[in-house]
C-alpha cells in the first residue's frame, strides 16, 4: 500500500489513476530528451555572447587607412576561389572587421573576416560555430530527420506530462503548504514529492510557452503550420523561419546546391553605396547587405533589388529595406509590425525561445526554467526508484475501466494539436489491445513449453 502525503485530487478516482499512469510513462520517455534539450537550450540562450567570444580576435581593430567595402569584397573573393558573394555583414562596432559570407555551387559556405584595411583575418565554416553545433544537437540530436521527429515527439509528450502533472497537482482540499511551497519538515520520498509537485506548478507556464514556441520550426508541426499559412492563403508574405532539420534556431544551415547568384547588374551601383545606405538605417546587429537574386537563410531569394536587413534574434527589431540597384533609391521597407498577426505571434515566440526578447532577463528566466525542469525530472525518477519493486517497472496500475468522456475528448484534442503525439497514442493503443488479447495466451503457451 502506498501512503500519500499532502492534498491530492481524488487519488482513488479512475480519472486520477489513468492520468497518473500517463504522467508516469510520459516522464520515463521524455527524461533523456529533457536533459539534452535543457542543457543545449540553456547554452544556446547565450548565442550572441558565444559568437562574440568566437570572433573576439576580429574586434577593436585600427581604423587608420580604412578601405571601401568594395575592396574588402574583392579580397574576400580572392581568398575563396570558386565561391560567390552572398552577403556583407556590417561590423557591430566601427573598429570591428566586416564579415563577408560566400557560398559555392555545392552549398558550401564560408565567413570571411576582413579588416578595415582590407586584410583577410580569418576564413571560417559557419556551420562549425559552437552555437551552430549546439543548435543542431538541440533541434535534431545530429540524427537528421529522425532526430527532428524524435525531438518533436518528446516535446509533444512533455506538454502532455506538464498538463497531466497540473491535474495531479491540483489539491482537494486546498492547502498552501505542499501546494504553493514544499513542506521542508518532511523527509525522504514525501519531501521529494512536495518539491516535485510545487516546482512543477511554478514552472508549468514557462515550460509550456517554451515548448509551444519551438513547434513552428519542428518538422511535422511546422510543415502543418506552413500548409495552413501559405497553401491555404491565410497569410501573405514570405515566412522568415525555416522548418525541419534545415530550420531550427536562427543561424547558418547547409544550403542546397543552387544556381550562383549575380552580385549586381552590370550597370548597377557598387556594394559600397548600399553598405553606406544600410548604415544610415541603423539596423539592429547583425545587419546584412544582400545583392539581387541571392538565396537567403530565411524566406525566398532576393528579387531585382539590393536588400539591407536586420536578422536580430529579437525579431521585434527585425527590419528590411530594399534599394534600386541602378539609382540607389529606396524602394520599400518592411518591419516586424508589418507582418501578419500569425507571423508576429510566431516570431515573438521564437525570440522568447532563443532568450532574446527581453535581453538578459529573458536569458536568466530561460536558464532557471531549464534547471528547474531538469530538477523535477530527476526528482521524478528518484521517487520512482524509491517505490519501484525489484521484480517490475512499478508503473501505476491500469484502471481496467472505460475512460471518462471528458478525458477521451482531451486526448483527442491533444492528438489533433500535436500530430506526432496522436500517432504515438494510436501505436500504443494498438500494442495495448494486442497484449490484452494475446498476452494471456502467449504466457500460457510459454508456461507449457518444456524445459
Protein backbone atom coordinates (compact mmCIF):
# COMPACT_ATOMS: atom_id res chain seq x y z
CA UNK A 1 0.00 0.00 0.00
CA UNK A 2 1.35 3.45 -0.98
CA UNK A 3 0.95 6.15 1.66
CA UNK A 4 0.15 9.56 0.18
CA UNK A 5 1.15 12.82 1.84
CA UNK A 6 -0.47 16.15 1.24
CA UNK A 7 -3.63 17.19 -0.59
CA UNK A 8 -4.31 15.30 -3.81
CA UNK A 9 -7.26 15.31 -6.21
CA UNK A 10 -9.33 12.17 -5.54
CA UNK A 11 -6.47 9.65 -5.84
CA UNK A 12 -8.91 6.73 -5.89
CA UNK A 13 -10.82 8.02 -8.91
CA UNK A 14 -10.49 6.33 -12.27
CA UNK A 15 -9.53 9.60 -13.98
CA UNK A 16 -6.80 10.33 -11.42
CA UNK A 17 -5.23 6.89 -11.75
CA UNK A 18 -5.42 6.99 -15.55
CA UNK A 19 -3.76 10.42 -15.72
CA UNK A 20 -1.15 9.38 -13.17
CA UNK A 21 -0.31 6.40 -15.38
CA UNK A 22 0.03 8.64 -18.46
CA UNK A 23 2.15 11.10 -16.47
CA UNK A 24 4.42 8.26 -15.34
CA UNK A 25 5.05 6.84 -18.80
CA UNK A 26 5.43 10.28 -20.36
CA UNK A 27 8.06 11.14 -17.75
CA UNK A 28 10.06 7.96 -18.38
CA UNK A 29 10.05 8.57 -22.14
CA UNK A 30 10.96 12.27 -22.14
CA UNK A 31 13.59 12.27 -19.37
CA UNK A 32 16.67 11.74 -21.60
CA UNK A 33 15.35 14.29 -24.08
CA UNK A 34 14.65 16.82 -21.33
CA UNK A 35 18.24 16.51 -20.11
CA UNK A 36 19.70 17.00 -23.60
CA UNK A 37 17.33 19.79 -24.67
CA UNK A 38 17.61 21.64 -21.36
CA UNK A 39 21.41 21.71 -21.46
CA UNK A 40 21.68 22.62 -25.15
CA UNK A 41 18.82 25.10 -24.91
CA UNK A 42 20.39 26.85 -21.93
CA UNK A 43 23.68 27.15 -23.80
CA UNK A 44 22.01 28.48 -26.95
CA UNK A 45 20.34 31.26 -24.96
CA UNK A 46 23.77 32.89 -24.92
CA UNK A 47 24.40 32.67 -28.66
CA UNK A 48 25.25 36.40 -29.04
CA UNK A 49 27.84 36.20 -26.27
CA UNK A 50 29.28 32.92 -27.59
CA UNK A 51 29.51 34.23 -31.16
CA UNK A 52 31.11 37.44 -29.95
CA UNK A 53 33.68 35.44 -27.97
CA UNK A 54 34.50 33.29 -31.01
CA UNK A 55 35.04 36.46 -33.08
CA UNK A 56 37.00 38.28 -30.37
CA UNK A 57 40.18 38.48 -32.44
CA UNK A 58 38.31 40.43 -35.14
CA UNK A 59 37.17 43.22 -32.79
CA UNK A 60 38.75 46.52 -31.74
CA UNK A 61 40.98 46.96 -34.78
CA UNK A 62 42.72 50.07 -36.04
CA UNK A 63 40.64 52.35 -38.28
CA UNK A 64 43.57 54.07 -39.97
CA UNK A 65 43.87 53.66 -43.77
CA UNK A 66 40.41 52.04 -43.94
CA UNK A 67 39.33 50.85 -47.40
CA UNK A 68 35.91 50.74 -49.05
CA UNK A 69 33.60 47.70 -48.73
CA UNK A 70 34.18 47.01 -52.45
CA UNK A 71 37.87 46.44 -51.75
CA UNK A 72 37.00 44.22 -48.79
CA UNK A 73 34.73 42.17 -51.07
CA UNK A 74 37.44 41.85 -53.72
CA UNK A 75 39.99 40.43 -51.27
CA UNK A 76 37.40 38.11 -49.72
CA UNK A 77 36.53 36.60 -53.10
CA UNK A 78 40.20 36.28 -54.00
CA UNK A 79 40.74 34.31 -50.77
CA UNK A 80 37.89 31.89 -51.57
CA UNK A 81 38.27 30.83 -55.24
CA UNK A 82 35.14 29.40 -56.86
CA UNK A 83 32.78 30.92 -54.29
CA UNK A 84 30.26 33.70 -54.79
CA UNK A 85 29.28 36.71 -52.71
CA UNK A 86 26.15 36.09 -50.63
CA UNK A 87 26.01 38.98 -48.17
CA UNK A 88 28.07 41.61 -46.35
CA UNK A 89 27.57 41.84 -42.59
CA UNK A 90 28.15 45.32 -41.23
CA UNK A 91 30.60 45.48 -38.31
CA UNK A 92 28.84 45.66 -34.96
CA UNK A 93 31.22 48.49 -33.99
CA UNK A 94 33.23 50.72 -36.35
CA UNK A 95 36.57 49.17 -35.37
CA UNK A 96 35.42 45.57 -35.94
CA UNK A 97 36.14 43.50 -39.04
CA UNK A 98 33.46 43.17 -41.68
CA UNK A 99 32.17 39.67 -42.36
CA UNK A 100 31.59 38.65 -45.97
CA UNK A 101 29.58 35.46 -46.44
CA UNK A 102 30.29 33.45 -49.59
CA UNK A 103 28.75 30.27 -50.98
CA UNK A 104 29.62 27.62 -53.58
CA UNK A 105 27.60 25.63 -56.15
CA UNK A 106 27.51 22.61 -53.82
CA UNK A 107 26.09 24.61 -50.91
CA UNK A 108 29.37 25.03 -49.01
CA UNK A 109 29.64 28.28 -47.05
CA UNK A 110 32.42 30.40 -45.62
CA UNK A 111 32.57 33.51 -43.46
CA UNK A 112 35.48 35.74 -44.45
CA UNK A 113 36.55 38.32 -41.88
CA UNK A 114 38.21 41.36 -43.46
CA UNK A 115 39.89 44.16 -41.50
CA UNK A 116 39.09 47.85 -42.13
CA UNK A 117 42.38 47.97 -44.08
CA UNK A 118 41.27 45.18 -46.44
CA UNK A 119 43.29 42.31 -44.96
CA UNK A 120 41.74 38.83 -44.62
CA UNK A 121 41.97 37.99 -40.91
CA UNK A 122 40.24 34.61 -40.97
CA UNK A 123 38.04 32.26 -43.00
CA UNK A 124 35.59 30.07 -41.11
CA UNK A 125 32.94 27.49 -41.92
CA UNK A 126 29.86 28.95 -40.17
CA UNK A 127 28.36 25.50 -39.57
CA UNK A 128 31.24 24.71 -37.18
CA UNK A 129 30.45 27.55 -34.78
CA UNK A 130 29.77 26.49 -31.18
CA UNK A 131 26.26 27.92 -31.30
CA UNK A 132 25.53 26.16 -34.60
CA UNK A 133 26.64 22.78 -33.26
CA UNK A 134 24.57 23.27 -30.11
CA UNK A 135 21.57 24.26 -32.26
CA UNK A 136 21.85 21.09 -34.37
CA UNK A 137 22.01 18.91 -31.26
CA UNK A 138 19.05 20.77 -29.78
CA UNK A 139 16.97 20.52 -32.95
CA UNK A 140 17.77 17.08 -34.33
CA UNK A 141 20.22 15.30 -31.97
CA UNK A 142 22.57 15.17 -35.01
CA UNK A 143 20.31 12.42 -36.42
CA UNK A 144 18.77 14.28 -39.35
CA UNK A 145 15.03 13.92 -39.95
CA UNK A 146 14.75 11.04 -37.48
CA UNK A 147 16.25 13.20 -34.75
CA UNK A 148 13.94 16.08 -35.67
CA UNK A 149 10.91 13.81 -35.32
CA UNK A 150 12.18 12.40 -32.02
CA UNK A 151 12.66 15.89 -30.59
CA UNK A 152 9.17 16.91 -31.71
CA UNK A 153 7.68 13.70 -30.30
CA UNK A 154 9.46 14.25 -26.99
CA UNK A 155 8.32 17.88 -26.90
CA UNK A 156 4.73 16.80 -27.53
CA UNK A 157 4.85 14.23 -24.73
CA UNK A 158 6.46 16.79 -22.43
CA UNK A 159 3.44 19.03 -23.00
CA UNK A 160 1.23 16.08 -22.03
CA UNK A 161 3.42 15.43 -18.99
CA UNK A 162 3.09 19.05 -17.84
CA UNK A 163 -0.69 19.14 -18.34
CA UNK A 164 -1.19 15.82 -16.58
CA UNK A 165 1.12 17.00 -13.79
CA UNK A 166 -1.03 20.09 -13.26
CA UNK A 167 -4.09 17.86 -12.90
CA UNK A 168 -2.31 15.70 -10.33
CA UNK A 169 -1.04 18.80 -8.52
CA UNK A 170 -4.48 20.36 -8.05
CA UNK A 171 -5.25 19.96 -4.32
CA UNK A 172 -8.54 18.90 -2.81
CA UNK A 173 -8.99 20.35 -0.23
CA UNK A 174 -6.81 23.37 -0.96
CA UNK A 175 -3.85 23.94 1.35
CA UNK A 176 -0.98 26.38 0.88
CA UNK A 177 1.75 24.14 2.29
CA UNK A 178 2.58 21.35 -0.14
CA UNK A 179 0.76 23.24 -2.89
CA UNK A 180 2.45 26.61 -3.30
CA UNK A 181 5.57 25.80 -1.34
CA UNK A 182 7.14 22.49 -0.24
CA UNK A 183 6.91 21.30 3.35
CA UNK A 184 10.57 21.16 4.25
CA UNK A 185 9.77 19.40 7.52
CA UNK A 186 9.11 16.21 5.55
CA UNK A 187 11.81 13.68 4.84
CA UNK A 188 12.56 11.10 2.17
CA UNK A 189 10.12 10.46 -0.67
CA UNK A 190 7.34 12.74 0.72
CA UNK A 191 9.76 15.70 0.64
CA UNK A 192 10.87 14.83 -2.90
CA UNK A 193 7.23 14.62 -3.94
CA UNK A 194 6.44 18.04 -2.48
CA UNK A 195 9.40 19.65 -4.24
CA UNK A 196 8.49 17.88 -7.50
CA UNK A 197 4.85 18.99 -7.40
CA UNK A 198 5.40 22.58 -6.24
CA UNK A 199 8.29 23.29 -8.61
CA UNK A 200 6.35 21.73 -11.48
CA UNK A 201 3.43 24.06 -10.80
CA UNK A 202 5.56 27.22 -10.74
CA UNK A 203 7.39 26.48 -13.99
CA UNK A 204 4.49 24.89 -15.91
CA UNK A 205 3.55 28.08 -17.76
CA UNK A 206 7.16 28.85 -18.71
CA UNK A 207 7.81 25.31 -19.94
CA UNK A 208 4.59 25.19 -21.97
CA UNK A 209 5.48 28.54 -23.54
CA UNK A 210 8.99 27.32 -24.35
CA UNK A 211 7.69 24.11 -25.92
CA UNK A 212 4.91 25.76 -27.90
CA UNK A 213 7.24 28.45 -29.25
CA UNK A 214 9.58 25.76 -30.60
CA UNK A 215 6.91 23.87 -32.55
CA UNK A 216 6.73 26.22 -35.60
CA UNK A 217 10.17 25.05 -36.81
CA UNK A 218 9.61 21.35 -35.95
CA UNK A 219 9.34 19.09 -39.00
CA UNK A 220 5.76 17.79 -38.73
CA UNK A 221 4.08 20.58 -36.77
CA UNK A 222 5.92 23.32 -38.64
CA UNK A 223 5.03 21.80 -42.00
CA UNK A 224 1.38 21.72 -40.99
CA UNK A 225 1.55 25.38 -39.96
CA UNK A 226 3.27 26.24 -43.24
CA UNK A 227 0.49 24.49 -45.15
CA UNK A 228 -2.17 26.45 -43.29
CA UNK A 229 -0.19 29.67 -43.58
CA UNK A 230 0.71 29.64 -47.26
CA UNK A 231 -1.07 26.92 -49.21
CA UNK A 232 -4.46 27.94 -47.85
CA UNK A 233 -3.64 31.60 -48.42
CA UNK A 234 -4.40 32.71 -44.86
CA UNK A 235 -1.18 34.72 -44.51
CA UNK A 236 0.50 36.78 -47.22
CA UNK A 237 4.23 37.42 -47.48
CA UNK A 238 7.33 35.24 -47.02
CA UNK A 239 7.80 33.05 -43.96
CA UNK A 240 11.02 34.14 -42.25
CA UNK A 241 11.68 30.95 -40.30
CA UNK A 242 12.57 27.52 -41.61
CA UNK A 243 11.08 24.13 -40.81
CA UNK A 244 12.65 20.77 -40.03
CA UNK A 245 16.32 19.77 -39.99
CA UNK A 246 17.41 22.82 -42.02
CA UNK A 247 15.31 25.11 -39.85
CA UNK A 248 15.66 25.50 -36.13
CA UNK A 249 17.35 28.40 -34.48
CA UNK A 250 18.38 31.48 -36.35
CA UNK A 251 21.74 30.54 -37.74
CA UNK A 252 23.59 29.08 -40.68
CA UNK A 253 22.45 25.77 -42.09
CA UNK A 254 23.79 23.88 -45.11
CA UNK A 255 22.36 25.33 -48.29
CA UNK A 256 21.18 23.07 -51.09
CA UNK A 257 23.15 23.12 -54.37
CA UNK A 258 21.96 26.14 -56.30
CA UNK A 259 22.49 28.39 -59.27
CA UNK A 260 25.04 31.05 -58.43
CA UNK A 261 23.60 34.50 -57.78
CA UNK A 262 24.66 37.62 -59.56
CA UNK A 263 26.15 40.28 -57.32
CA UNK A 264 24.59 43.19 -59.22
CA UNK A 265 23.50 44.31 -62.70
CA UNK A 266 26.43 45.28 -64.92
CA UNK A 267 25.34 48.91 -64.90
CA UNK A 268 24.41 48.92 -61.20
CA UNK A 269 25.94 50.75 -58.28
CA UNK A 270 28.73 49.07 -56.26
CA UNK A 271 28.42 47.41 -52.86
CA UNK A 272 29.87 50.43 -51.05
CA UNK A 273 26.83 52.55 -51.91
CA UNK A 274 24.40 50.09 -50.33
CA UNK A 275 26.61 49.49 -47.29
CA UNK A 276 26.52 53.25 -46.67
CA UNK A 277 22.74 53.32 -47.06
CA UNK A 278 22.40 50.36 -44.70
CA UNK A 279 24.47 52.18 -42.07
CA UNK A 280 22.14 55.16 -42.33
CA UNK A 281 19.21 52.86 -41.46
CA UNK A 282 20.72 51.98 -38.06
CA UNK A 283 19.61 48.35 -38.33
CA UNK A 284 20.00 46.11 -35.31
CA UNK A 285 23.01 43.77 -35.41
CA UNK A 286 23.51 41.53 -37.33
CA UNK A 287 22.75 43.83 -40.29
CA UNK A 288 23.24 42.29 -43.73
CA UNK A 289 23.57 43.83 -47.19
CA UNK A 290 22.41 41.32 -49.82
CA UNK A 291 22.77 41.68 -53.61
CA UNK A 292 19.93 40.98 -56.06
CA UNK A 293 18.87 37.40 -56.89
CA UNK A 294 20.60 35.90 -53.85
CA UNK A 295 19.44 32.97 -51.69
CA UNK A 296 18.68 33.83 -48.07
CA UNK A 297 18.69 31.81 -44.88
CA UNK A 298 15.06 32.71 -44.29
CA UNK A 299 12.48 33.22 -47.00
CA UNK A 300 12.88 33.21 -50.78
CA UNK A 301 15.87 34.65 -52.69
CA UNK A 302 16.06 38.42 -53.02
CA UNK A 303 14.43 39.98 -56.09
CA UNK A 304 15.82 42.53 -58.51
CA UNK A 305 16.87 44.89 -55.74
CA UNK A 306 19.60 45.24 -53.13
CA UNK A 307 18.38 44.37 -49.63
CA UNK A 308 19.54 45.67 -46.27
CA UNK A 309 18.05 43.74 -43.38
CA UNK A 310 18.47 43.03 -39.70
CA UNK A 311 18.46 39.39 -38.61
CA UNK A 312 18.40 40.22 -34.91
CA UNK A 313 17.22 37.31 -32.77
CA UNK A 314 14.86 39.75 -31.06
CA UNK A 315 12.55 39.71 -34.02
CA UNK A 316 10.71 42.79 -32.84
CA UNK A 317 13.81 44.65 -34.06
CA UNK A 318 13.82 42.98 -37.48
CA UNK A 319 13.57 45.39 -40.41
CA UNK A 320 14.24 45.18 -44.13
CA UNK A 321 14.88 47.96 -46.66
CA UNK A 322 15.24 47.49 -50.43
CA UNK A 323 17.03 49.74 -52.93
CA UNK A 324 17.03 50.12 -56.70
CA UNK A 325 20.34 48.63 -57.96
CA UNK A 326 20.87 51.32 -60.61
CA UNK A 327 19.71 54.54 -58.91
CA UNK A 328 20.15 53.53 -55.27
CA UNK A 329 16.70 54.90 -54.44
CA UNK A 330 14.82 53.26 -51.58
CA UNK A 331 12.02 51.08 -52.98
CA UNK A 332 10.40 49.68 -49.84
CA UNK A 333 10.56 48.84 -46.16
CA UNK A 334 9.14 46.04 -44.07
CA UNK A 335 9.35 45.66 -40.30
CA UNK A 336 8.00 43.36 -37.61
CA UNK A 337 4.87 45.46 -37.28
CA UNK A 338 4.06 45.00 -40.97
CA UNK A 339 3.76 41.23 -40.58
CA UNK A 340 0.51 39.32 -40.27
CA UNK A 341 -0.59 38.73 -36.68
CA UNK A 342 0.18 34.99 -37.05
CA UNK A 343 3.78 35.75 -38.02
CA UNK A 344 4.13 38.31 -35.24
CA UNK A 345 2.98 35.75 -32.65
CA UNK A 346 5.32 33.06 -34.02
CA UNK A 347 8.29 35.44 -34.23
CA UNK A 348 7.66 36.71 -30.71
CA UNK A 349 7.66 33.12 -29.50
CA UNK A 350 10.91 32.41 -31.36
CA UNK A 351 12.55 35.48 -29.84
CA UNK A 352 11.45 34.35 -26.37
CA UNK A 353 12.54 30.75 -27.02
CA UNK A 354 16.02 31.94 -28.02
CA UNK A 355 16.32 34.20 -24.98
CA UNK A 356 16.49 37.49 -26.88
CA UNK A 357 13.06 39.08 -26.49
CA UNK A 358 13.80 40.73 -23.13
CA UNK A 359 17.60 40.70 -23.12
CA UNK A 360 19.47 39.31 -20.11
CA UNK A 361 16.23 38.87 -18.12
CA UNK A 362 14.95 36.52 -20.84
CA UNK A 363 18.22 34.57 -20.71
CA UNK A 364 18.05 34.30 -16.92
CA UNK A 365 14.44 33.09 -16.96
CA UNK A 366 15.32 30.55 -19.66
CA UNK A 367 18.27 29.15 -17.70
CA UNK A 368 16.26 28.92 -14.46
CA UNK A 369 13.44 27.18 -16.33
CA UNK A 370 15.84 24.64 -17.81
CA UNK A 371 17.40 23.97 -14.39
CA UNK A 372 14.00 23.61 -12.70
CA UNK A 373 12.67 21.30 -15.44
CA UNK A 374 15.74 19.11 -15.17
CA UNK A 375 15.43 19.07 -11.36
CA UNK A 376 11.81 17.94 -11.24
CA UNK A 377 12.52 15.30 -13.90
CA UNK A 378 15.39 13.87 -11.87
CA UNK A 379 13.25 14.01 -8.69
CA UNK A 380 10.50 12.12 -10.51
CA UNK A 381 12.96 9.35 -11.38
CA UNK A 382 14.28 9.32 -7.80
CA UNK A 383 10.73 8.91 -6.42
CA UNK A 384 10.07 6.11 -8.89
CA UNK A 385 13.24 4.26 -7.92
CA UNK A 386 12.34 4.53 -4.22
CA UNK A 387 8.98 2.77 -4.73
CA UNK A 388 9.88 0.57 -7.72
CA UNK A 389 9.59 -3.16 -6.86
CA UNK A 390 12.60 -5.33 -7.60
CA UNK A 391 10.66 -7.54 -10.00
CA UNK A 392 8.74 -4.92 -12.00
CA UNK A 393 8.65 -1.47 -13.51
CA UNK A 394 6.47 -0.05 -10.78
CA UNK A 395 4.04 1.73 -13.09
CA UNK A 396 0.73 2.96 -11.67
CA UNK A 397 -1.78 0.11 -12.13
CA UNK A 398 -4.19 0.19 -15.06
CA UNK A 399 -7.74 1.03 -14.03
CA UNK A 400 -9.40 -1.57 -16.24
CA UNK A 401 -12.37 0.81 -16.56
CA UNK A 402 -13.62 2.77 -19.53
CA UNK A 403 -12.18 6.26 -19.91
CA UNK A 404 -14.22 9.23 -18.85
CA UNK A 405 -15.78 11.05 -21.85
CA UNK A 406 -14.06 14.33 -20.94
CA UNK A 407 -10.70 12.57 -20.68
CA UNK A 408 -11.15 10.96 -24.09
CA UNK A 409 -12.07 14.37 -25.51
CA UNK A 410 -8.91 15.93 -24.07
CA UNK A 411 -6.71 13.19 -25.56
CA UNK A 412 -8.38 13.57 -28.97
CA UNK A 413 -7.89 17.34 -28.86
CA UNK A 414 -4.21 16.97 -27.94
CA UNK A 415 -3.78 14.38 -30.70
CA UNK A 416 -5.15 16.85 -33.23
CA UNK A 417 -2.99 19.71 -31.95
CA UNK A 418 0.15 17.54 -31.66
CA UNK A 419 0.20 15.16 -34.66
CA UNK A 420 3.19 13.06 -33.55
CA UNK A 421 1.64 12.63 -30.11
CA UNK A 422 -1.57 11.49 -31.77
CA UNK A 423 0.28 8.98 -33.97
CA UNK A 424 2.19 7.59 -30.99
CA UNK A 425 -1.03 7.20 -28.98
CA UNK A 426 -2.54 5.16 -31.82
CA UNK A 427 0.52 2.90 -31.84
CA UNK A 428 0.33 2.48 -28.05
CA UNK A 429 -3.38 1.64 -28.20
CA UNK A 430 -2.75 -0.99 -30.88
CA UNK A 431 0.04 -2.54 -28.80
CA UNK A 432 -2.10 -2.42 -25.66
CA UNK A 433 -5.02 -4.08 -27.48
CA UNK A 434 -2.71 -6.78 -28.86
CA UNK A 435 -1.23 -7.51 -25.43
CA UNK A 436 -4.71 -7.60 -23.87
CA UNK A 437 -5.93 -10.11 -26.46
CA UNK A 438 -2.90 -12.32 -26.81
CA UNK A 439 -0.80 -11.69 -23.70
CA UNK A 440 -2.52 -14.34 -21.61
CA UNK A 441 -2.41 -16.86 -24.43
CA UNK A 442 1.31 -16.21 -25.00
CA UNK A 443 2.05 -16.55 -21.28
CA UNK A 444 0.15 -19.83 -21.11
CA UNK A 445 1.97 -21.11 -24.17
CA UNK A 446 5.33 -20.29 -22.63
CA UNK A 447 4.41 -22.00 -19.36
CA UNK A 448 3.56 -25.19 -21.27
CA UNK A 449 6.87 -25.22 -23.12
CA UNK A 450 9.08 -27.99 -21.66
CA UNK A 451 12.43 -27.15 -20.19
